[in-house]
């Protein structure tokens, strides 16, 4: 048995899971410790297998990947999550990021990006498919705009003081 980064994969497509396993068959630094085809099964097996990283599909029958990550967070389960998905829309991406997903890789690029994503995430970094970097820029520009519109020191107390001294 290999010793390395322990990975758990969840995807509703059994052929995809098989391909994922084959991709890492000869990768000494990565060990696939289990797989599931839906979020309900994955929750049980992730608790049992205790992987370092769970690679989840966003959309699956029953409990989807976003719901699974939400439950893992609520249970304070110490697993890092990378989403591996066909969804390249900002809504799913932003929801995954807000749930503290450490990576988001598009399936169309997974063969060329997943090893780097796993490596980054295992070191405490993040990884997002290159096509999604625009979402990060838009998200940060929106945050910066809100900061400019709302002064950092605007609280009920500072508003009351400012009003009295004006």
Protein backbone atom coordinates (compact mmCIF):
# COMPACT_ATOMS: atom_id res chain seq x y z
CA UNK A 1 0.00 0.00 0.00
CA UNK A 2 1.27 3.47 -0.93
CA UNK A 3 2.00 6.12 1.65
CA UNK A 4 1.17 9.61 0.47
CA UNK A 5 -1.65 12.08 0.19
CA UNK A 6 -4.87 10.17 0.89
CA UNK A 7 -7.60 10.99 -1.63
CA UNK A 8 -11.29 10.09 -1.65
CA UNK A 9 -13.27 10.57 -4.89
CA UNK A 10 -17.04 11.07 -5.19
CA UNK A 11 -18.70 11.13 -8.59
CA UNK A 12 -21.93 9.62 -9.88
CA UNK A 13 -20.21 8.36 -13.05
CA UNK A 14 -18.49 5.01 -12.39
CA UNK A 15 -16.38 5.34 -15.54
CA UNK A 16 -15.06 8.67 -14.34
CA UNK A 17 -14.09 7.17 -10.98
CA UNK A 18 -12.32 4.33 -12.80
CA UNK A 19 -10.43 6.80 -14.99
CA UNK A 20 -9.48 8.87 -11.95
CA UNK A 21 -8.08 5.77 -10.23
CA UNK A 22 -6.11 4.84 -13.37
CA UNK A 23 -4.66 8.34 -13.58
CA UNK A 24 -3.09 7.89 -10.13
CA UNK A 25 -2.23 4.20 -10.32
CA UNK A 26 1.49 4.88 -10.65
CA UNK A 27 1.62 8.13 -8.70
CA UNK A 28 3.60 7.29 -5.54
CA UNK A 29 2.70 10.46 -3.69
CA UNK A 30 -1.07 9.96 -4.00
CA UNK A 31 -3.14 7.12 -2.57
CA UNK A 32 -6.81 6.68 -3.50
CA UNK A 33 -8.38 5.41 -0.26
CA UNK A 34 -11.96 5.09 -1.50
CA UNK A 35 -14.78 6.29 -3.67
CA UNK A 36 -18.52 6.85 -3.62
CA UNK A 37 -21.21 7.58 -6.19
CA UNK A 38 -23.28 10.03 -4.12
CA UNK A 39 -22.94 12.39 -1.20
CA UNK A 40 -24.77 10.22 1.33
CA UNK A 41 -22.45 7.25 0.77
CA UNK A 42 -19.45 9.59 0.67
CA UNK A 43 -20.23 11.11 4.09
CA UNK A 44 -20.11 7.67 5.73
CA UNK A 45 -16.98 6.55 3.88
CA UNK A 46 -15.07 9.81 4.34
CA UNK A 47 -15.58 9.55 8.10
CA UNK A 48 -14.32 5.96 7.97
CA UNK A 49 -11.39 6.38 5.54
CA UNK A 50 -10.21 9.78 6.88
CA UNK A 51 -8.69 11.11 3.64
CA UNK A 52 -6.54 14.21 3.52
CA UNK A 53 -8.46 15.46 0.49
CA UNK A 54 -11.92 14.67 -0.86
CA UNK A 55 -12.44 15.25 -4.57
CA UNK A 56 -16.16 15.84 -5.11
CA UNK A 57 -18.45 16.33 -8.08
CA UNK A 58 -20.77 19.31 -7.61
CA UNK A 59 -23.92 17.67 -9.06
CA UNK A 60 -24.92 14.15 -8.06
CA UNK A 61 -28.23 12.44 -7.44
CA UNK A 62 -29.41 12.73 -3.85
CA UNK A 63 -26.94 14.70 -1.75
CA UNK A 64 -24.80 16.85 -4.03
CA UNK A 65 -21.19 17.89 -3.44
CA UNK A 66 -22.01 21.34 -2.08
CA UNK A 67 -24.41 19.87 0.48
CA UNK A 68 -21.79 17.27 1.42
CA UNK A 69 -19.15 19.97 1.99
CA UNK A 70 -21.63 21.97 4.08
CA UNK A 71 -22.22 18.88 6.28
CA UNK A 72 -18.49 18.14 6.56
CA UNK A 73 -17.97 21.74 7.72
CA UNK A 74 -20.84 21.54 10.23
CA UNK A 75 -19.29 18.37 11.69
CA UNK A 76 -15.83 20.00 11.78
CA UNK A 77 -14.44 17.13 9.75
CA UNK A 78 -10.78 17.84 8.89
CA UNK A 79 -10.80 17.09 5.17
CA UNK A 80 -9.85 19.52 2.42
CA UNK A 81 -12.19 19.56 -0.57
CA UNK A 82 -11.50 19.98 -4.25
CA UNK A 83 -14.48 20.15 -6.58
CA UNK A 84 -14.02 18.38 -9.90
CA UNK A 85 -16.94 19.36 -12.09
CA UNK A 86 -18.34 20.37 -15.47
CA UNK A 87 -19.88 23.51 -13.92
CA UNK A 88 -18.00 26.63 -14.92
CA UNK A 89 -20.64 29.13 -13.79
CA UNK A 90 -19.87 31.75 -11.17
CA UNK A 91 -22.79 30.83 -8.90
CA UNK A 92 -21.60 27.27 -8.17
CA UNK A 93 -17.98 28.41 -8.01
CA UNK A 94 -18.75 31.20 -5.53
CA UNK A 95 -20.86 28.89 -3.39
CA UNK A 96 -18.00 26.36 -3.28
CA UNK A 97 -15.54 29.09 -2.29
CA UNK A 98 -17.89 30.41 0.40
CA UNK A 99 -18.01 26.87 1.84
CA UNK A 100 -14.19 26.87 1.99
CA UNK A 101 -13.52 24.54 -0.92
CA UNK A 102 -9.76 24.55 -1.39
CA UNK A 103 -9.91 23.75 -5.10
CA UNK A 104 -12.24 23.85 -8.10
CA UNK A 105 -11.15 21.99 -11.23
CA UNK A 106 -13.12 21.67 -14.44
CA UNK A 107 -13.44 18.11 -15.71
CA UNK A 108 -12.41 19.19 -19.20
CA UNK A 109 -8.95 19.97 -17.75
CA UNK A 110 -8.67 17.46 -14.96
CA UNK A 111 -5.94 15.31 -16.47
CA UNK A 112 -3.62 18.32 -16.75
CA UNK A 113 -4.68 20.13 -13.55
CA UNK A 114 -5.72 17.65 -10.87
CA UNK A 115 -2.22 16.62 -9.80
CA UNK A 116 -1.23 20.28 -9.33
CA UNK A 117 -4.51 20.96 -7.52
CA UNK A 118 -3.95 18.07 -5.11
CA UNK A 119 -0.35 19.11 -4.53
CA UNK A 120 -1.32 22.73 -3.79
CA UNK A 121 -4.23 21.82 -1.54
CA UNK A 122 -2.16 19.28 0.41
CA UNK A 123 0.31 22.12 1.18
CA UNK A 124 -2.44 24.41 2.48
CA UNK A 125 -2.79 26.40 -0.74
CA UNK A 126 -5.75 26.69 -3.11
CA UNK A 127 -6.15 25.78 -6.76
CA UNK A 128 -8.77 26.94 -9.26
CA UNK A 129 -8.91 26.05 -12.95
CA UNK A 130 -7.42 28.80 -15.06
CA UNK A 131 -10.75 29.53 -16.80
CA UNK A 132 -12.22 30.48 -13.40
CA UNK A 133 -9.62 33.10 -12.45
CA UNK A 134 -11.92 35.80 -13.89
CA UNK A 135 -14.50 34.92 -11.23
CA UNK A 136 -11.88 35.54 -8.53
CA UNK A 137 -11.01 38.94 -10.02
CA UNK A 138 -14.70 39.90 -10.25
CA UNK A 139 -15.27 38.75 -6.70
CA UNK A 140 -12.33 40.77 -5.37
CA UNK A 141 -13.34 43.89 -7.37
CA UNK A 142 -16.84 43.66 -5.88
CA UNK A 143 -15.36 43.44 -2.39
CA UNK A 144 -13.05 46.38 -3.05
CA UNK A 145 -15.96 48.45 -4.40
CA UNK A 146 -18.00 47.72 -1.26
CA UNK A 147 -15.02 48.75 0.88
CA UNK A 148 -14.76 52.10 -0.94
CA UNK A 149 -18.50 52.71 -0.60
CA UNK A 150 -18.59 51.86 3.10
CA UNK A 151 -15.89 53.50 5.24
CA UNK A 152 -14.08 51.04 7.49
CA UNK A 153 -15.00 52.99 10.61
CA UNK A 154 -18.74 53.34 10.01
CA UNK A 155 -20.42 51.78 13.03
CA UNK A 156 -23.36 53.00 15.13
CA UNK A 157 -20.90 54.37 17.70
CA UNK A 158 -18.71 56.25 15.18
CA UNK A 159 -21.80 57.57 13.41
CA UNK A 160 -23.15 58.92 16.72
CA UNK A 161 -19.79 60.54 17.58
CA UNK A 162 -19.43 62.04 14.11
CA UNK A 163 -22.98 63.40 14.22
CA UNK A 164 -22.41 65.05 17.63
CA UNK A 165 -19.12 66.62 16.64
CA UNK A 166 -20.32 67.93 13.27
